[in-house]
Amino acid sequence: MKEEQIILTDLKQSKLGRPISIPDSKIVEEVLFWISSGNTLRSYCRQDNKPAFTTIYNWLNKDKEFNERFVRAREVGSDMIADSIMEIMSETPEMIGGDNPRIDPGWVALQKAKSDVALKLLSKWFPSRYGDRVDVAAKGDINLTISTGIPQG
């Protein structure tokens, strides 16, 4: 597991004497761009000289403005992920078979798996936008006719 590297622009002392990190504006802008491009926070943090994801989450919990901008970046990033699903599905298929060419079924399965995973992720993050729409309509009209055999009238 990657050692946590905290990038700080300013330090404050907590009551326990531990330094509390203040969000670095350069890192914040990089994270927002990264997320809005459809990438994951963990992939950003895996790069050299980047803060650990726990540091970013601590910043998100402490800084309301950063949190709101992160949510908006995630929404924009979801559109990028949806676009990438369309690109996956429109790729020219790989062919196998030499003299008798046919589409490689393994390639088809891989592309389907990639797109399914991305769509499931989107449906979890944004169920109202990318989730399955389930419409349940129930009608409770009951007509009851009682026939007693006695003439009315």
Protein backbone atom coordinates (compact mmCIF):
# COMPACT_ATOMS: atom_id res chain seq x y z
CA MET A 1 0.00 0.00 0.00
CA LYS A 2 1.24 3.50 -0.82
CA GLU A 3 2.66 5.54 2.02
CA GLU A 4 0.59 8.61 2.72
CA GLN A 5 2.26 11.78 1.53
CA ILE A 6 0.49 14.90 2.71
CA ILE A 7 1.08 18.01 0.62
CA LEU A 8 0.62 21.04 2.82
CA THR A 9 0.59 24.74 2.20
CA ASP A 10 -0.16 25.61 5.80
CA LEU A 11 -0.19 23.72 9.08
CA LYS A 12 -2.29 24.23 12.16
CA GLN A 13 -1.81 22.38 15.40
CA SER A 14 -4.69 20.29 16.65
CA LYS A 15 -5.44 19.91 20.36
CA LEU A 16 -3.46 16.66 20.33
CA GLY A 17 -0.42 18.34 18.80
CA ARG A 18 -0.79 16.69 15.38
CA PRO A 19 -0.62 18.88 12.28
CA ILE A 20 -3.91 19.34 10.41
CA SER A 21 -3.55 19.63 6.67
CA ILE A 22 -5.08 22.57 4.86
CA PRO A 23 -6.20 21.89 1.27
CA ASP A 24 -3.59 22.96 -1.25
CA SER A 25 -5.38 25.03 -3.91
CA LYS A 26 -3.19 23.61 -6.70
CA ILE A 27 -3.96 20.03 -5.66
CA VAL A 28 -7.66 20.86 -5.27
CA GLU A 29 -7.83 22.19 -8.84
CA GLU A 30 -5.94 19.14 -10.14
CA VAL A 31 -8.32 16.78 -8.32
CA LEU A 32 -11.39 18.60 -9.63
CA PHE A 33 -10.09 18.46 -13.20
CA TRP A 34 -9.13 14.79 -12.81
CA ILE A 35 -12.56 13.81 -11.46
CA SER A 36 -14.44 15.90 -14.04
CA SER A 37 -12.49 14.05 -16.75
CA GLY A 38 -14.10 10.79 -15.64
CA ASN A 39 -11.13 9.43 -13.70
CA THR A 40 -11.14 8.01 -10.19
CA LEU A 41 -9.79 9.70 -7.09
CA ARG A 42 -7.69 6.64 -6.29
CA SER A 43 -6.02 6.74 -9.71
CA TYR A 44 -5.12 10.39 -9.08
CA CYS A 45 -3.68 9.58 -5.68
CA ARG A 46 -1.60 6.66 -7.05
CA GLN A 47 0.53 9.09 -9.05
CA ASP A 48 3.93 10.10 -7.70
CA ASN A 49 4.01 13.01 -5.24
CA LYS A 50 0.22 13.16 -4.84
CA PRO A 51 -1.60 13.07 -1.52
CA ALA A 52 -3.24 9.86 -0.34
CA PHE A 53 -6.96 9.49 -0.96
CA THR A 54 -7.62 9.70 2.80
CA THR A 55 -6.07 13.18 2.78
CA ILE A 56 -8.38 14.26 -0.04
CA TYR A 57 -11.40 12.85 1.80
CA ASN A 58 -10.34 14.70 4.95
CA TRP A 59 -10.17 17.89 2.89
CA LEU A 60 -13.63 17.16 1.48
CA ASN A 61 -15.02 16.74 4.99
CA LYS A 62 -13.44 19.97 6.22
CA ASP A 63 -13.99 22.28 3.26
CA LYS A 64 -17.62 22.73 2.21
CA GLU A 65 -16.75 24.63 -0.98
CA PHE A 66 -14.31 21.93 -2.09
CA ASN A 67 -16.94 19.29 -1.32
CA GLU A 68 -19.59 21.07 -3.42
CA ARG A 69 -17.16 21.54 -6.31
CA PHE A 70 -16.13 17.88 -6.04
CA VAL A 71 -19.77 16.76 -6.31
CA ARG A 72 -20.20 18.93 -9.42
CA ALA A 73 -16.95 17.57 -10.89
CA ARG A 74 -18.22 14.02 -10.25
CA GLU A 75 -21.42 14.87 -12.18
CA VAL A 76 -19.42 16.18 -15.13
CA GLY A 77 -17.14 13.16 -14.89
CA SER A 78 -20.18 10.88 -15.07
CA ASP A 79 -20.98 12.31 -18.49
CA MET A 80 -17.40 11.55 -19.54
CA ILE A 81 -17.79 7.97 -18.32
CA ALA A 82 -21.06 7.67 -20.25
CA ASP A 83 -19.28 8.98 -23.37
CA SER A 84 -16.55 6.38 -22.88
CA ILE A 85 -19.21 3.65 -22.78
CA MET A 86 -20.46 4.84 -26.15
CA GLU A 87 -16.89 4.80 -27.49
CA ILE A 88 -16.38 1.25 -26.22
CA MET A 89 -19.56 0.08 -27.90
CA SER A 90 -18.75 1.76 -31.21
CA GLU A 91 -15.18 0.41 -31.56
CA THR A 92 -14.41 -1.69 -34.61
CA PRO A 93 -14.46 -5.30 -33.40
CA GLU A 94 -11.35 -7.45 -33.40
CA MET A 95 -11.48 -10.23 -35.95
CA ILE A 96 -10.15 -13.78 -35.76
CA GLY A 97 -10.13 -16.71 -38.13
CA GLY A 98 -7.66 -15.87 -40.93
CA ASP A 99 -9.34 -17.11 -44.15
CA ASN A 100 -12.76 -17.22 -42.53
CA PRO A 101 -12.81 -13.99 -40.49
CA ARG A 102 -15.31 -13.53 -37.70
CA ILE A 103 -15.66 -11.26 -34.70
CA ASP A 104 -13.65 -12.43 -31.70
CA PRO A 105 -16.21 -13.47 -29.05
CA GLY A 106 -13.68 -12.91 -26.25
CA TRP A 107 -13.24 -9.32 -27.38
CA VAL A 108 -17.03 -8.86 -27.43
CA ALA A 109 -17.33 -10.25 -23.90
CA LEU A 110 -14.55 -7.97 -22.65
CA GLN A 111 -16.13 -4.86 -24.19
CA LYS A 112 -19.51 -5.81 -22.73
CA ALA A 113 -17.99 -6.32 -19.28
CA LYS A 114 -16.22 -2.94 -19.42
CA SER A 115 -19.38 -1.11 -20.39
CA ASP A 116 -21.53 -2.98 -17.84
CA VAL A 117 -19.18 -2.14 -14.98
CA ALA A 118 -19.07 1.54 -15.97
CA LEU A 119 -22.85 1.71 -16.28
CA LYS A 120 -23.34 0.00 -12.91
CA LEU A 121 -20.99 2.52 -11.32
CA LEU A 122 -22.95 5.39 -12.86
CA SER A 123 -26.26 3.90 -11.72
CA LYS A 124 -24.96 3.71 -8.14
CA TRP A 125 -23.58 7.25 -8.14
CA PHE A 126 -26.53 8.81 -9.96
CA PRO A 127 -29.56 6.49 -9.79
CA SER A 128 -32.04 9.13 -10.97
CA ARG A 129 -29.96 9.85 -14.04
CA TYR A 130 -28.38 6.51 -15.01
CA GLY A 131 -30.36 3.95 -13.02
CA ASP A 132 -33.13 1.75 -14.32
CA ARG A 133 -36.45 3.47 -14.29
CA VAL A 134 -39.01 1.31 -12.55
CA ASP A 135 -42.56 2.53 -12.80
CA VAL A 136 -45.11 0.78 -10.65
CA ALA A 137 -48.69 1.85 -11.10
CA ALA A 138 -51.49 0.21 -9.20
CA LYS A 139 -55.15 0.91 -9.74
CA GLY A 140 -57.52 -0.11 -7.02
CA ASP A 141 -60.92 0.30 -8.68
CA ILE A 142 -63.27 -2.48 -7.65
CA ASN A 143 -66.80 -2.79 -9.00
CA LEU A 144 -69.09 -5.04 -7.04
CA THR A 145 -72.56 -6.04 -8.20
CA ILE A 146 -74.73 -8.03 -5.84
CA SER A 147 -77.54 -9.98 -7.38
CA THR A 148 -80.06 -11.35 -4.89
CA GLY A 149 -82.72 -12.63 -7.26
CA ILE A 150 -85.35 -10.32 -5.75
CA PRO A 151 -86.86 -7.94 -8.31
CA GLN A 152 -86.34 -4.30 -7.54
CA GLY A 153 -88.88 -1.95 -8.28
